[in-house]
Amino acid sequence: MSMRVQYAHRPGANMSRSTARRPANLTLDGDLLAQARDLKINVSRAAEEGIARANRAEQERLWQIENAEAIADANAFVDKRGLTLAKRRQF
């Protein structure tokens, strides 16, 4: 059985918000952009937050793939032997 966790904390949790911001050219749906402007949404910030969410989702997906064997091994261990200290549970 090989259990390995490469990074146990949420990716990017220790990243500072003071990193340098850079301009980027994006092509967006015109109606969507107009609606965002009518609603006074900061389009740059909304795009940045959406990209950050997409990055986190992809990092989580890759982590799941990378650690699938260890997760399966841990689940098989529990299936075979039960939870450690399960008989001491109060619930």
C-alpha atoms as a PDB file:
ATOM      1  CA  MET A   1       0.000   0.000   0.000  1.00  0.00           C
ATOM      2  CA  SER A   2       1.403   3.390  -0.933  1.00  0.00           C
ATOM      3  CA  MET A   3      -0.153   6.481   0.580  1.00  0.00           C
ATOM      4  CA  ARG A   4       1.238   9.810  -0.470  1.00  0.00           C
ATOM      5  CA  VAL A   5      -0.112  13.322  -0.286  1.00  0.00           C
ATOM      6  CA  GLN A   6       1.856  15.855  -2.263  1.00  0.00           C
ATOM      7  CA  TYR A   7       0.202  19.025  -1.048  1.00  0.00           C
ATOM      8  CA  ALA A   8      -2.219  18.864   1.840  1.00  0.00           C
ATOM      9  CA  HIS A   9      -3.298  22.513   1.823  1.00  0.00           C
ATOM     10  CA  ARG A  10      -5.612  24.354  -0.522  1.00  0.00           C
ATOM     11  CA  PRO A  11      -3.616  25.377  -3.612  1.00  0.00           C
ATOM     12  CA  GLY A  12      -2.874  29.065  -3.648  1.00  0.00           C
ATOM     13  CA  ALA A  13      -3.898  29.594  -0.024  1.00  0.00           C
ATOM     14  CA  ASN A  14      -0.587  31.221   0.783  1.00  0.00           C
ATOM     15  CA  MET A  15      -0.424  33.379  -2.347  1.00  0.00           C
ATOM     16  CA  SER A  16      -0.452  37.101  -1.762  1.00  0.00           C
ATOM     17  CA  ARG A  17      -3.047  39.320  -3.452  1.00  0.00           C
ATOM     18  CA  SER A  18      -0.302  41.908  -3.949  1.00  0.00           C
ATOM     19  CA  THR A  19       1.187  40.117  -6.957  1.00  0.00           C
ATOM     20  CA  ALA A  20       1.734  42.304  -9.989  1.00  0.00           C
ATOM     21  CA  ARG A  21      -1.335  42.712 -12.149  1.00  0.00           C
ATOM     22  CA  ARG A  22      -0.841  42.606 -15.893  1.00  0.00           C
ATOM     23  CA  PRO A  23      -3.072  43.770 -18.706  1.00  0.00           C
ATOM     24  CA  ALA A  24      -4.690  41.095 -20.872  1.00  0.00           C
ATOM     25  CA  ASN A  25      -6.841  41.257 -23.967  1.00  0.00           C
ATOM     26  CA  LEU A  26     -10.019  39.194 -23.717  1.00  0.00           C
ATOM     27  CA  THR A  27     -12.816  38.602 -26.161  1.00  0.00           C
ATOM     28  CA  LEU A  28     -16.159  38.488 -24.364  1.00  0.00           C
ATOM     29  CA  ASP A  29     -19.780  38.101 -25.388  1.00  0.00           C
ATOM     30  CA  GLY A  30     -21.039  41.636 -26.079  1.00  0.00           C
ATOM     31  CA  ASP A  31     -24.405  41.199 -24.353  1.00  0.00           C
ATOM     32  CA  LEU A  32     -22.737  39.676 -21.299  1.00  0.00           C
ATOM     33  CA  LEU A  33     -20.277  42.568 -21.107  1.00  0.00           C
ATOM     34  CA  ALA A  34     -23.041  45.165 -21.509  1.00  0.00           C
ATOM     35  CA  GLN A  35     -25.103  43.527 -18.771  1.00  0.00           C
ATOM     36  CA  ALA A  36     -22.079  43.466 -16.438  1.00  0.00           C
ATOM     37  CA  ARG A  37     -21.451  47.157 -17.085  1.00  0.00           C
ATOM     38  CA  ASP A  38     -25.130  47.992 -16.491  1.00  0.00           C
ATOM     39  CA  LEU A  39     -24.876  46.156 -13.166  1.00  0.00           C
ATOM     40  CA  LYS A  40     -21.684  48.080 -12.369  1.00  0.00           C
ATOM     41  CA  ILE A  41     -19.664  44.872 -12.068  1.00  0.00           C
ATOM     42  CA  ASN A  42     -15.895  45.274 -12.098  1.00  0.00           C
ATOM     43  CA  VAL A  43     -15.287  43.165 -15.207  1.00  0.00           C
ATOM     44  CA  SER A  44     -11.543  42.831 -14.618  1.00  0.00           C
ATOM     45  CA  ARG A  45     -12.071  41.602 -11.057  1.00  0.00           C
ATOM     46  CA  ALA A  46     -14.877  39.248 -12.121  1.00  0.00           C
ATOM     47  CA  ALA A  47     -12.688  37.781 -14.873  1.00  0.00           C
ATOM     48  CA  GLU A  48      -9.796  37.391 -12.434  1.00  0.00           C
ATOM     49  CA  GLU A  49     -12.021  35.615  -9.902  1.00  0.00           C
ATOM     50  CA  GLY A  50     -13.424  33.334 -12.604  1.00  0.00           C
ATOM     51  CA  ILE A  51      -9.931  32.420 -13.795  1.00  0.00           C
ATOM     52  CA  ALA A  52      -8.849  31.780 -10.197  1.00  0.00           C
ATOM     53  CA  ARG A  53     -11.855  29.446  -9.707  1.00  0.00           C
ATOM     54  CA  ALA A  54     -11.037  27.622 -12.949  1.00  0.00           C
ATOM     55  CA  ASN A  55      -7.393  27.276 -11.850  1.00  0.00           C
ATOM     56  CA  ARG A  56      -8.429  25.842  -8.461  1.00  0.00           C
ATOM     57  CA  ALA A  57     -10.874  23.416 -10.075  1.00  0.00           C
ATOM     58  CA  GLU A  58      -8.211  22.163 -12.483  1.00  0.00           C
ATOM     59  CA  GLN A  59      -5.613  21.846  -9.704  1.00  0.00           C
ATOM     60  CA  GLU A  60      -8.110  19.840  -7.633  1.00  0.00           C
ATOM     61  CA  ARG A  61      -8.931  17.615 -10.620  1.00  0.00           C
ATOM     62  CA  LEU A  62      -5.247  16.962 -11.271  1.00  0.00           C
ATOM     63  CA  TRP A  63      -4.648  16.281  -7.554  1.00  0.00           C
ATOM     64  CA  GLN A  64      -7.478  13.723  -7.568  1.00  0.00           C
ATOM     65  CA  ILE A  65      -5.954  11.969 -10.583  1.00  0.00           C
ATOM     66  CA  GLU A  66      -2.444  12.085  -9.129  1.00  0.00           C
ATOM     67  CA  ASN A  67      -3.561  10.720  -5.752  1.00  0.00           C
ATOM     68  CA  ALA A  68      -6.261   8.298  -6.936  1.00  0.00           C
ATOM     69  CA  GLU A  69      -4.160   5.248  -6.061  1.00  0.00           C
ATOM     70  CA  ALA A  70      -3.447   6.441  -2.514  1.00  0.00           C
ATOM     71  CA  ILE A  71      -7.117   7.334  -1.997  1.00  0.00           C
ATOM     72  CA  ALA A  72      -8.204   3.907  -3.276  1.00  0.00           C
ATOM     73  CA  ASP A  73      -5.645   2.234  -0.977  1.00  0.00           C
ATOM     74  CA  ALA A  74      -6.905   4.201   2.026  1.00  0.00           C
ATOM     75  CA  ASN A  75     -10.519   3.332   1.215  1.00  0.00           C
ATOM     76  CA  ALA A  76      -9.615  -0.351   0.780  1.00  0.00           C
ATOM     77  CA  PHE A  77      -7.831  -0.288   4.152  1.00  0.00           C
ATOM     78  CA  VAL A  78     -10.939   1.117   5.855  1.00  0.00           C
ATOM     79  CA  ASP A  79     -13.197  -1.346   4.029  1.00  0.00           C
ATOM     80  CA  LYS A  80     -11.037  -4.254   5.161  1.00  0.00           C
ATOM     81  CA  ARG A  81     -10.164  -3.185   8.722  1.00  0.00           C
ATOM     82  CA  GLY A  82     -12.727  -0.532   9.590  1.00  0.00           C
ATOM     83  CA  LEU A  83     -12.044   2.908  10.988  1.00  0.00           C
ATOM     84  CA  THR A  84      -9.289   3.272  13.533  1.00  0.00           C
ATOM     85  CA  LEU A  85     -10.766   3.616  17.028  1.00  0.00           C
ATOM     86  CA  ALA A  86     -14.307   3.134  15.651  1.00  0.00           C
ATOM     87  CA  LYS A  87     -15.361   1.231  18.769  1.00  0.00           C
ATOM     88  CA  ARG A  88     -14.521   4.275  20.923  1.00  0.00           C
ATOM     89  CA  ARG A  89     -16.872   6.560  19.003  1.00  0.00           C
ATOM     90  CA  GLN A  90     -19.539   8.290  21.034  1.00  0.00           C
ATOM     91  CA  PHE A  91     -21.909   8.656  18.080  1.00  0.00           C
END
